[in-house]
Every structure is written in structure tokens, then in C-alpha cells.
Amino acid sequence: RRNFSSLMREYRQQFEALNKQRADARRKMTQSLFTEKTDEKAVRKASSEVAKIEADMALLNRKILDRLKPPLSRKQLEDIRR
């Protein structure tokens, strides 16, 4: 747990930046949905930006798990996955 906590502190700024980017992208997506004349391309672009940022966050989480010492067992990884 200590190792995980220290790793989370190490990556906190990156998570905060990604959270801010994701919030901005979601805001743009919502705004593009509720315009007078909906632009499908704009909605799809904003939606894909949200998905990209969420994928970046997931990969950052995995990077943290890979750096844990001792490494997580297969059962621990399965428990986290659920």
C-alpha cells in the first residue's frame, strides 16, 4: 500500500491534468450536442477526444500497477479488474 500511495503521489499532477482535459472535452461534446443545428462531425470529434483521454488515464493506471513492488499476483490483478 505504501508503494502504491507513493506512486499515486508521483503521478498526481498527470492525473489532474488528464482530468481537466477530460472535463473540457466532455463540456465541448455537450455543447456540440445542444447547438441549434447539431454538427455530427463536431460531436464525434469531441466524443473521440474524451475516449482518447480516458484511454490515456487507463494506461497511466496500468503503468503505476506495473511499477508496484512486489508485483501484484494474478489474483490481485483479477480482483482489481472486477
PDB file of N, CA and C in Angstrom:
ATOM      1  N   ARG A   1       0.818  -1.202   0.000  1.00  0.00           N
ATOM      2  CA  ARG A   1       0.000   0.000   0.000  1.00  0.00           C
ATOM      3  C   ARG A   1       0.854   1.256   0.000  1.00  0.00           C
ATOM      4  N   ARG A   2       1.922   1.230   0.782  1.00  0.00           N
ATOM      5  CA  ARG A   2       2.800   2.415   0.823  1.00  0.00           C
ATOM      6  C   ARG A   2       3.379   2.690  -0.545  1.00  0.00           C
ATOM      7  N   ASN A   3       3.819   1.629  -1.216  1.00  0.00           N
ATOM      8  CA  ASN A   3       4.396   1.782  -2.534  1.00  0.00           C
ATOM      9  C   ASN A   3       3.360   2.357  -3.501  1.00  0.00           C
ATOM     10  N   PHE A   4       2.131   1.866  -3.423  1.00  0.00           N
ATOM     11  CA  PHE A   4       1.065   2.358  -4.294  1.00  0.00           C
ATOM     12  C   PHE A   4       0.767   3.831  -4.003  1.00  0.00           C
ATOM     13  N   SER A   5       0.704   4.194  -2.728  1.00  0.00           N
ATOM     14  CA  SER A   5       0.428   5.582  -2.353  1.00  0.00           C
ATOM     15  C   SER A   5       1.508   6.522  -2.863  1.00  0.00           C
ATOM     16  N   SER A   6       2.749   6.111  -2.737  1.00  0.00           N
ATOM     17  CA  SER A   6       3.833   6.972  -3.209  1.00  0.00           C
ATOM     18  C   SER A   6       3.809   7.104  -4.730  1.00  0.00           C
ATOM     19  N   LEU A   7       3.477   6.022  -5.421  1.00  0.00           N
ATOM     20  CA  LEU A   7       3.369   6.086  -6.881  1.00  0.00           C
ATOM     21  C   LEU A   7       2.207   6.996  -7.304  1.00  0.00           C
ATOM     22  N   MET A   8       1.090   6.917  -6.601  1.00  0.00           N
ATOM     23  CA  MET A   8      -0.051   7.785  -6.923  1.00  0.00           C
ATOM     24  C   MET A   8       0.320   9.257  -6.713  1.00  0.00           C
ATOM     25  N   ARG A   9       1.059   9.539  -5.652  1.00  0.00           N
ATOM     26  CA  ARG A   9       1.512  10.925  -5.433  1.00  0.00           C
ATOM     27  C   ARG A   9       2.428  11.377  -6.556  1.00  0.00           C
ATOM     28  N   GLU A  10       3.277  10.468  -7.006  1.00  0.00           N
ATOM     29  CA  GLU A  10       4.215  10.777  -8.087  1.00  0.00           C
ATOM     30  C   GLU A  10       3.484  11.142  -9.389  1.00  0.00           C
ATOM     31  N   TYR A  11       2.362  10.488  -9.634  1.00  0.00           N
ATOM     32  CA  TYR A  11       1.612  10.706 -10.880  1.00  0.00           C
ATOM     33  C   TYR A  11       0.402  11.629 -10.709  1.00  0.00           C
ATOM     34  N   ARG A  12       0.247  12.219  -9.547  1.00  0.00           N
ATOM     35  CA  ARG A  12      -0.932  13.041  -9.253  1.00  0.00           C
ATOM     36  C   ARG A  12      -1.110  14.181 -10.250  1.00  0.00           C
ATOM     37  N   GLN A  13      -0.030  14.884 -10.564  1.00  0.00           N
ATOM     38  CA  GLN A  13      -0.142  16.015 -11.486  1.00  0.00           C
ATOM     39  C   GLN A  13      -0.607  15.569 -12.867  1.00  0.00           C
ATOM     40  N   GLN A  14      -0.120  14.429 -13.317  1.00  0.00           N
ATOM     41  CA  GLN A  14      -0.541  13.925 -14.621  1.00  0.00           C
ATOM     42  C   GLN A  14      -2.028  13.567 -14.609  1.00  0.00           C
ATOM     43  N   PHE A  15      -2.493  12.936 -13.526  1.00  0.00           N
ATOM     44  CA  PHE A  15      -3.909  12.601 -13.419  1.00  0.00           C
ATOM     45  C   PHE A  15      -4.768  13.865 -13.365  1.00  0.00           C
ATOM     46  N   GLU A  16      -4.311  14.867 -12.608  1.00  0.00           N
ATOM     47  CA  GLU A  16      -5.070  16.112 -12.530  1.00  0.00           C
ATOM     48  C   GLU A  16      -5.171  16.789 -13.889  1.00  0.00           C
ATOM     49  N   ALA A  17      -4.072  16.787 -14.644  1.00  0.00           N
ATOM     50  CA  ALA A  17      -4.084  17.390 -15.982  1.00  0.00           C
ATOM     51  C   ALA A  17      -5.027  16.625 -16.906  1.00  0.00           C
ATOM     52  N   LEU A  18      -4.981  15.293 -16.847  1.00  0.00           N
ATOM     53  CA  LEU A  18      -5.872  14.491 -17.681  1.00  0.00           C
ATOM     54  C   LEU A  18      -7.339  14.678 -17.283  1.00  0.00           C
ATOM     55  N   ASN A  19      -7.606  14.783 -15.983  1.00  0.00           N
ATOM     56  CA  ASN A  19      -8.974  15.029 -15.527  1.00  0.00           C
ATOM     57  C   ASN A  19      -9.501  16.361 -16.054  1.00  0.00           C
ATOM     58  N   LYS A  20      -8.648  17.377 -16.038  1.00  0.00           N
ATOM     59  CA  LYS A  20      -9.041  18.697 -16.546  1.00  0.00           C
ATOM     60  C   LYS A  20      -9.306  18.620 -18.052  1.00  0.00           C
ATOM     61  N   GLN A  21      -8.426  17.948 -18.776  1.00  0.00           N
ATOM     62  CA  GLN A  21      -8.618  17.786 -20.218  1.00  0.00           C
ATOM     63  C   GLN A  21      -9.914  17.028 -20.516  1.00  0.00           C
ATOM     64  N   ARG A  22     -10.176  15.987 -19.733  1.00  0.00           N
ATOM     65  CA  ARG A  22     -11.388  15.195 -19.943  1.00  0.00           C
ATOM     66  C   ARG A  22     -12.639  16.029 -19.671  1.00  0.00           C
ATOM     67  N   ALA A  23     -12.608  16.818 -18.608  1.00  0.00           N
ATOM     68  CA  ALA A  23     -13.755  17.683 -18.299  1.00  0.00           C
ATOM     69  C   ALA A  23     -13.986  18.687 -19.428  1.00  0.00           C
ATOM     70  N   ASP A  24     -12.910  19.273 -19.939  1.00  0.00           N
ATOM     71  CA  ASP A  24     -13.036  20.219 -21.047  1.00  0.00           C
ATOM     72  C   ASP A  24     -13.597  19.541 -22.293  1.00  0.00           C
ATOM     73  N   ALA A  25     -13.108  18.344 -22.591  1.00  0.00           N
ATOM     74  CA  ALA A  25     -13.585  17.614 -23.770  1.00  0.00           C
ATOM     75  C   ALA A  25     -15.055  17.232 -23.615  1.00  0.00           C
ATOM     76  N   ARG A  26     -15.453  16.830 -22.422  1.00  0.00           N
ATOM     77  CA  ARG A  26     -16.867  16.496 -22.186  1.00  0.00           C
ATOM     78  C   ARG A  26     -17.751  17.733 -22.325  1.00  0.00           C
ATOM     79  N   ARG A  27     -17.260  18.853 -21.842  1.00  0.00           N
ATOM     80  CA  ARG A  27     -18.002  20.106 -21.965  1.00  0.00           C
ATOM     81  C   ARG A  27     -18.198  20.457 -23.440  1.00  0.00           C
ATOM     82  N   LYS A  28     -17.140  20.328 -24.232  1.00  0.00           N
ATOM     83  CA  LYS A  28     -17.237  20.605 -25.669  1.00  0.00           C
ATOM     84  C   LYS A  28     -18.219  19.650 -26.337  1.00  0.00           C
ATOM     85  N   MET A  29     -18.184  18.391 -25.932  1.00  0.00           N
ATOM     86  CA  MET A  29     -19.092  17.417 -26.520  1.00  0.00           C
ATOM     87  C   MET A  29     -20.543  17.787 -26.193  1.00  0.00           C
ATOM     88  N   THR A  30     -20.801  18.125 -24.946  1.00  0.00           N
ATOM     89  CA  THR A  30     -22.153  18.504 -24.539  1.00  0.00           C
ATOM     90  C   THR A  30     -22.602  19.760 -25.274  1.00  0.00           C
ATOM     91  N   GLN A  31     -21.716  20.729 -25.396  1.00  0.00           N
ATOM     92  CA  GLN A  31     -22.065  21.954 -26.111  1.00  0.00           C
ATOM     93  C   GLN A  31     -22.382  21.660 -27.568  1.00  0.00           C
ATOM     94  N   SER A  32     -21.625  20.761 -28.183  1.00  0.00           N
ATOM     95  CA  SER A  32     -21.876  20.444 -29.590  1.00  0.00           C
ATOM     96  C   SER A  32     -23.184  19.681 -29.771  1.00  0.00           C
ATOM     97  N   LEU A  33     -23.642  19.003 -28.729  1.00  0.00           N
ATOM     98  CA  LEU A  33     -24.920  18.292 -28.804  1.00  0.00           C
ATOM     99  C   LEU A  33     -26.119  19.228 -28.747  1.00  0.00           C
ATOM    100  N   PHE A  34     -25.963  20.327 -28.046  1.00  0.00           N
ATOM    101  CA  PHE A  34     -27.105  21.198 -27.788  1.00  0.00           C
ATOM    102  C   PHE A  34     -27.004  22.539 -28.498  1.00  0.00           C
ATOM    103  N   THR A  35     -26.447  22.521 -29.674  1.00  0.00           N
ATOM    104  CA  THR A  35     -26.459  23.723 -30.503  1.00  0.00           C
ATOM    105  C   THR A  35     -27.754  23.720 -31.300  1.00  0.00           C
ATOM    106  N   GLU A  36     -28.053  24.841 -31.926  1.00  0.00           N
ATOM    107  CA  GLU A  36     -29.283  24.944 -32.692  1.00  0.00           C
ATOM    108  C   GLU A  36     -29.358  23.877 -33.779  1.00  0.00           C
ATOM    109  N   LYS A  37     -28.273  23.732 -34.516  1.00  0.00           N
ATOM    110  CA  LYS A  37     -28.208  22.705 -35.547  1.00  0.00           C
ATOM    111  C   LYS A  37     -27.006  21.816 -35.204  1.00  0.00           C
ATOM    112  N   THR A  38     -27.297  20.599 -34.774  1.00  0.00           N
ATOM    113  CA  THR A  38     -26.249  19.692 -34.322  1.00  0.00           C
ATOM    114  C   THR A  38     -25.312  19.323 -35.475  1.00  0.00           C
ATOM    115  N   ASP A  39     -24.014  19.475 -35.201  1.00  0.00           N
ATOM    116  CA  ASP A  39     -22.983  19.109 -36.177  1.00  0.00           C
ATOM    117  C   ASP A  39     -22.441  17.735 -35.788  1.00  0.00           C
ATOM    118  N   GLU A  40     -22.811  16.721 -36.546  1.00  0.00           N
ATOM    119  CA  GLU A  40     -22.435  15.347 -36.214  1.00  0.00           C
ATOM    120  C   GLU A  40     -20.921  15.172 -36.149  1.00  0.00           C
ATOM    121  N   LYS A  41     -20.198  15.819 -37.058  1.00  0.00           N
ATOM    122  CA  LYS A  41     -18.735  15.709 -37.055  1.00  0.00           C
ATOM    123  C   LYS A  41     -18.144  16.267 -35.765  1.00  0.00           C
ATOM    124  N   ALA A  42     -18.680  17.400 -35.316  1.00  0.00           N
ATOM    125  CA  ALA A  42     -18.170  18.010 -34.085  1.00  0.00           C
ATOM    126  C   ALA A  42     -18.444  17.127 -32.878  1.00  0.00           C
ATOM    127  N   VAL A  43     -19.624  16.517 -32.845  1.00  0.00           N
ATOM    128  CA  VAL A  43     -19.970  15.620 -31.737  1.00  0.00           C
ATOM    129  C   VAL A  43     -19.036  14.410 -31.733  1.00  0.00           C
ATOM    130  N   ARG A  44     -18.821  13.824 -32.901  1.00  0.00           N
ATOM    131  CA  ARG A  44     -17.939  12.653 -32.994  1.00  0.00           C
ATOM    132  C   ARG A  44     -16.498  13.008 -32.628  1.00  0.00           C
ATOM    133  N   LYS A  45     -16.042  14.161 -33.059  1.00  0.00           N
ATOM    134  CA  LYS A  45     -14.678  14.591 -32.740  1.00  0.00           C
ATOM    135  C   LYS A  45     -14.523  14.796 -31.234  1.00  0.00           C
ATOM    136  N   ALA A  46     -15.485  15.476 -30.620  1.00  0.00           N
ATOM    137  CA  ALA A  46     -15.418  15.718 -29.176  1.00  0.00           C
ATOM    138  C   ALA A  46     -15.514  14.405 -28.404  1.00  0.00           C
ATOM    139  N   SER A  47     -16.355  13.510 -28.872  1.00  0.00           N
ATOM    140  CA  SER A  47     -16.514  12.219 -28.218  1.00  0.00           C
ATOM    141  C   SER A  47     -15.236  11.386 -28.309  1.00  0.00           C
ATOM    142  N   SER A  48     -14.592  11.412 -29.461  1.00  0.00           N
ATOM    143  CA  SER A  48     -13.345  10.644 -29.606  1.00  0.00           C
ATOM    144  C   SER A  48     -12.230  11.248 -28.757  1.00  0.00           C
ATOM    145  N   GLU A  49     -12.258  12.543 -28.543  1.00  0.00           N
ATOM    146  CA  GLU A  49     -11.263  13.186 -27.671  1.00  0.00           C
ATOM    147  C   GLU A  49     -11.445  12.719 -26.217  1.00  0.00           C
ATOM    148  N   VAL A  50     -12.687  12.621 -25.780  1.00  0.00           N
ATOM    149  CA  VAL A  50     -12.970  12.113 -24.433  1.00  0.00           C
ATOM    150  C   VAL A  50     -12.441  10.688 -24.306  1.00  0.00           C
ATOM    151  N   ALA A  51     -12.716   9.862 -25.301  1.00  0.00           N
ATOM    152  CA  ALA A  51     -12.271   8.464 -25.272  1.00  0.00           C
ATOM    153  C   ALA A  51     -10.749   8.361 -25.253  1.00  0.00           C
ATOM    154  N   LYS A  52     -10.074   9.207 -26.013  1.00  0.00           N
ATOM    155  CA  LYS A  52      -8.606   9.201 -26.048  1.00  0.00           C
ATOM    156  C   LYS A  52      -8.031   9.537 -24.675  1.00  0.00           C
ATOM    157  N   ILE A  53      -8.599  10.542 -24.038  1.00  0.00           N
ATOM    158  CA  ILE A  53      -8.113  10.951 -22.716  1.00  0.00           C
ATOM    159  C   ILE A  53      -8.367   9.845 -21.694  1.00  0.00           C
ATOM    160  N   GLU A  54      -9.530   9.201 -21.762  1.00  0.00           N
ATOM    161  CA  GLU A  54      -9.821   8.107 -20.836  1.00  0.00           C
ATOM    162  C   GLU A  54      -8.872   6.926 -21.067  1.00  0.00           C
ATOM    163  N   ALA A  55      -8.512   6.682 -22.314  1.00  0.00           N
ATOM    164  CA  ALA A  55      -7.535   5.622 -22.605  1.00  0.00           C
ATOM    165  C   ALA A  55      -6.173   5.993 -22.025  1.00  0.00           C
ATOM    166  N   ASP A  56      -5.786   7.263 -22.141  1.00  0.00           N
ATOM    167  CA  ASP A  56      -4.519   7.719 -21.556  1.00  0.00           C
ATOM    168  C   ASP A  56      -4.519   7.514 -20.043  1.00  0.00           C
ATOM    169  N   MET A  57      -5.656   7.792 -19.410  1.00  0.00           N
ATOM    170  CA  MET A  57      -5.762   7.603 -17.957  1.00  0.00           C
ATOM    171  C   MET A  57      -5.658   6.115 -17.592  1.00  0.00           C
ATOM    172  N   ALA A  58      -6.302   5.259 -18.378  1.00  0.00           N
ATOM    173  CA  ALA A  58      -6.241   3.826 -18.115  1.00  0.00           C
ATOM    174  C   ALA A  58      -4.808   3.311 -18.258  1.00  0.00           C
ATOM    175  N   LEU A  59      -4.114   3.782 -19.278  1.00  0.00           N
ATOM    176  CA  LEU A  59      -2.728   3.352 -19.476  1.00  0.00           C
ATOM    177  C   LEU A  59      -1.817   3.872 -18.365  1.00  0.00           C
ATOM    178  N   LEU A  60      -2.097   5.057 -17.873  1.00  0.00           N
ATOM    179  CA  LEU A  60      -1.317   5.594 -16.757  1.00  0.00           C
ATOM    180  C   LEU A  60      -1.549   4.756 -15.499  1.00  0.00           C
ATOM    181  N   ASN A  61      -2.794   4.351 -15.281  1.00  0.00           N
ATOM    182  CA  ASN A  61      -3.085   3.449 -14.151  1.00  0.00           C
ATOM    183  C   ASN A  61      -2.305   2.148 -14.285  1.00  0.00           C
ATOM    184  N   ARG A  62      -2.279   1.609 -15.494  1.00  0.00           N
ATOM    185  CA  ARG A  62      -1.556   0.351 -15.706  1.00  0.00           C
ATOM    186  C   ARG A  62      -0.054   0.544 -15.480  1.00  0.00           C
ATOM    187  N   LYS A  63       0.454   1.684 -15.888  1.00  0.00           N
ATOM    188  CA  LYS A  63       1.873   1.986 -15.685  1.00  0.00           C
ATOM    189  C   LYS A  63       2.208   1.978 -14.195  1.00  0.00           C
ATOM    190  N   ILE A  64       1.313   2.518 -13.395  1.00  0.00           N
ATOM    191  CA  ILE A  64       1.514   2.526 -11.942  1.00  0.00           C
ATOM    192  C   ILE A  64       1.500   1.096 -11.413  1.00  0.00           C
ATOM    193  N   LEU A  65       0.524   0.298 -11.849  1.00  0.00           N
ATOM    194  CA  LEU A  65       0.458  -1.089 -11.377  1.00  0.00           C
ATOM    195  C   LEU A  65       1.707  -1.877 -11.752  1.00  0.00           C
ATOM    196  N   ASP A  66       2.260  -1.593 -12.926  1.00  0.00           N
ATOM    197  CA  ASP A  66       3.476  -2.290 -13.360  1.00  0.00           C
ATOM    198  C   ASP A  66       4.687  -1.925 -12.506  1.00  0.00           C
ATOM    199  N   ARG A  67       4.661  -0.759 -11.885  1.00  0.00           N
ATOM    200  CA  ARG A  67       5.799  -0.320 -11.067  1.00  0.00           C
ATOM    201  C   ARG A  67       5.690  -0.746  -9.612  1.00  0.00           C
ATOM    202  N   LEU A  68       4.591  -1.367  -9.213  1.00  0.00           N
ATOM    203  CA  LEU A  68       4.429  -1.781  -7.817  1.00  0.00           C
ATOM    204  C   LEU A  68       5.468  -2.832  -7.441  1.00  0.00           C
ATOM    205  N   LYS A  69       5.982  -2.698  -6.247  1.00  0.00           N
ATOM    206  CA  LYS A  69       6.934  -3.661  -5.697  1.00  0.00           C
ATOM    207  C   LYS A  69       6.390  -4.156  -4.377  1.00  0.00           C
ATOM    208  N   PRO A  70       6.238  -5.406  -4.146  1.00  0.00           N
ATOM    209  CA  PRO A  70       6.366  -6.513  -5.094  1.00  0.00           C
ATOM    210  C   PRO A  70       5.224  -6.453  -6.105  1.00  0.00           C
ATOM    211  N   PRO A  71       5.437  -7.057  -7.259  1.00  0.00           N
ATOM    212  CA  PRO A  71       4.402  -7.049  -8.293  1.00  0.00           C
ATOM    213  C   PRO A  71       3.112  -7.709  -7.803  1.00  0.00           C
ATOM    214  N   LEU A  72       2.005  -7.284  -8.369  1.00  0.00           N
ATOM    215  CA  LEU A  72       0.720  -7.880  -7.996  1.00  0.00           C
ATOM    216  C   LEU A  72       0.618  -9.297  -8.555  1.00  0.00           C
ATOM    217  N   SER A  73      -0.038 -10.141  -7.791  1.00  0.00           N
ATOM    218  CA  SER A  73      -0.260 -11.512  -8.254  1.00  0.00           C
ATOM    219  C   SER A  73      -1.396 -11.512  -9.281  1.00  0.00           C
ATOM    220  N   ARG A  74      -1.531 -12.624  -9.957  1.00  0.00           N
ATOM    221  CA  ARG A  74      -2.615 -12.762 -10.939  1.00  0.00           C
ATOM    222  C   ARG A  74      -3.979 -12.578 -10.266  1.00  0.00           C
ATOM    223  N   LYS A  75      -4.134 -13.097  -9.053  1.00  0.00           N
ATOM    224  CA  LYS A  75      -5.399 -12.975  -8.311  1.00  0.00           C
ATOM    225  C   LYS A  75      -5.661 -11.509  -7.934  1.00  0.00           C
ATOM    226  N   GLN A  76      -4.641 -10.803  -7.491  1.00  0.00           N
ATOM    227  CA  GLN A  76      -4.813  -9.394  -7.146  1.00  0.00           C
ATOM    228  C   GLN A  76      -5.239  -8.580  -8.378  1.00  0.00           C
ATOM    229  N   LEU A  77      -4.614  -8.850  -9.498  1.00  0.00           N
ATOM    230  CA  LEU A  77      -4.988  -8.147 -10.736  1.00  0.00           C
ATOM    231  C   LEU A  77      -6.442  -8.459 -11.110  1.00  0.00           C
ATOM    232  N   GLU A  78      -6.831  -9.699 -10.930  1.00  0.00           N
ATOM    233  CA  GLU A  78      -8.219 -10.094 -11.224  1.00  0.00           C
ATOM    234  C   GLU A  78      -9.186  -9.371 -10.294  1.00  0.00           C
ATOM    235  N   ASP A  79      -8.838  -9.257  -9.014  1.00  0.00           N
ATOM    236  CA  ASP A  79      -9.687  -8.545  -8.059  1.00  0.00           C
ATOM    237  C   ASP A  79      -9.843  -7.074  -8.433  1.00  0.00           C
ATOM    238  N   ILE A  80      -8.755  -6.452  -8.871  1.00  0.00           N
ATOM    239  CA  ILE A  80      -8.806  -5.052  -9.283  1.00  0.00           C
ATOM    240  C   ILE A  80      -9.667  -4.894 -10.525  1.00  0.00           C
ATOM    241  N   ARG A  81      -9.538  -5.832 -11.435  1.00  0.00           N
ATOM    242  CA  ARG A  81     -10.277  -5.777 -12.694  1.00  0.00           C
ATOM    243  C   ARG A  81     -11.782  -5.799 -12.468  1.00  0.00           C
ATOM    244  N   ARG A  82     -12.221  -6.522 -11.453  1.00  0.00           N
ATOM    245  CA  ARG A  82     -13.657  -6.619 -11.165  1.00  0.00           C
ATOM    246  C   ARG A  82     -14.107  -5.332 -10.588  1.00  0.00           C
TER     247      ARG A  82
END
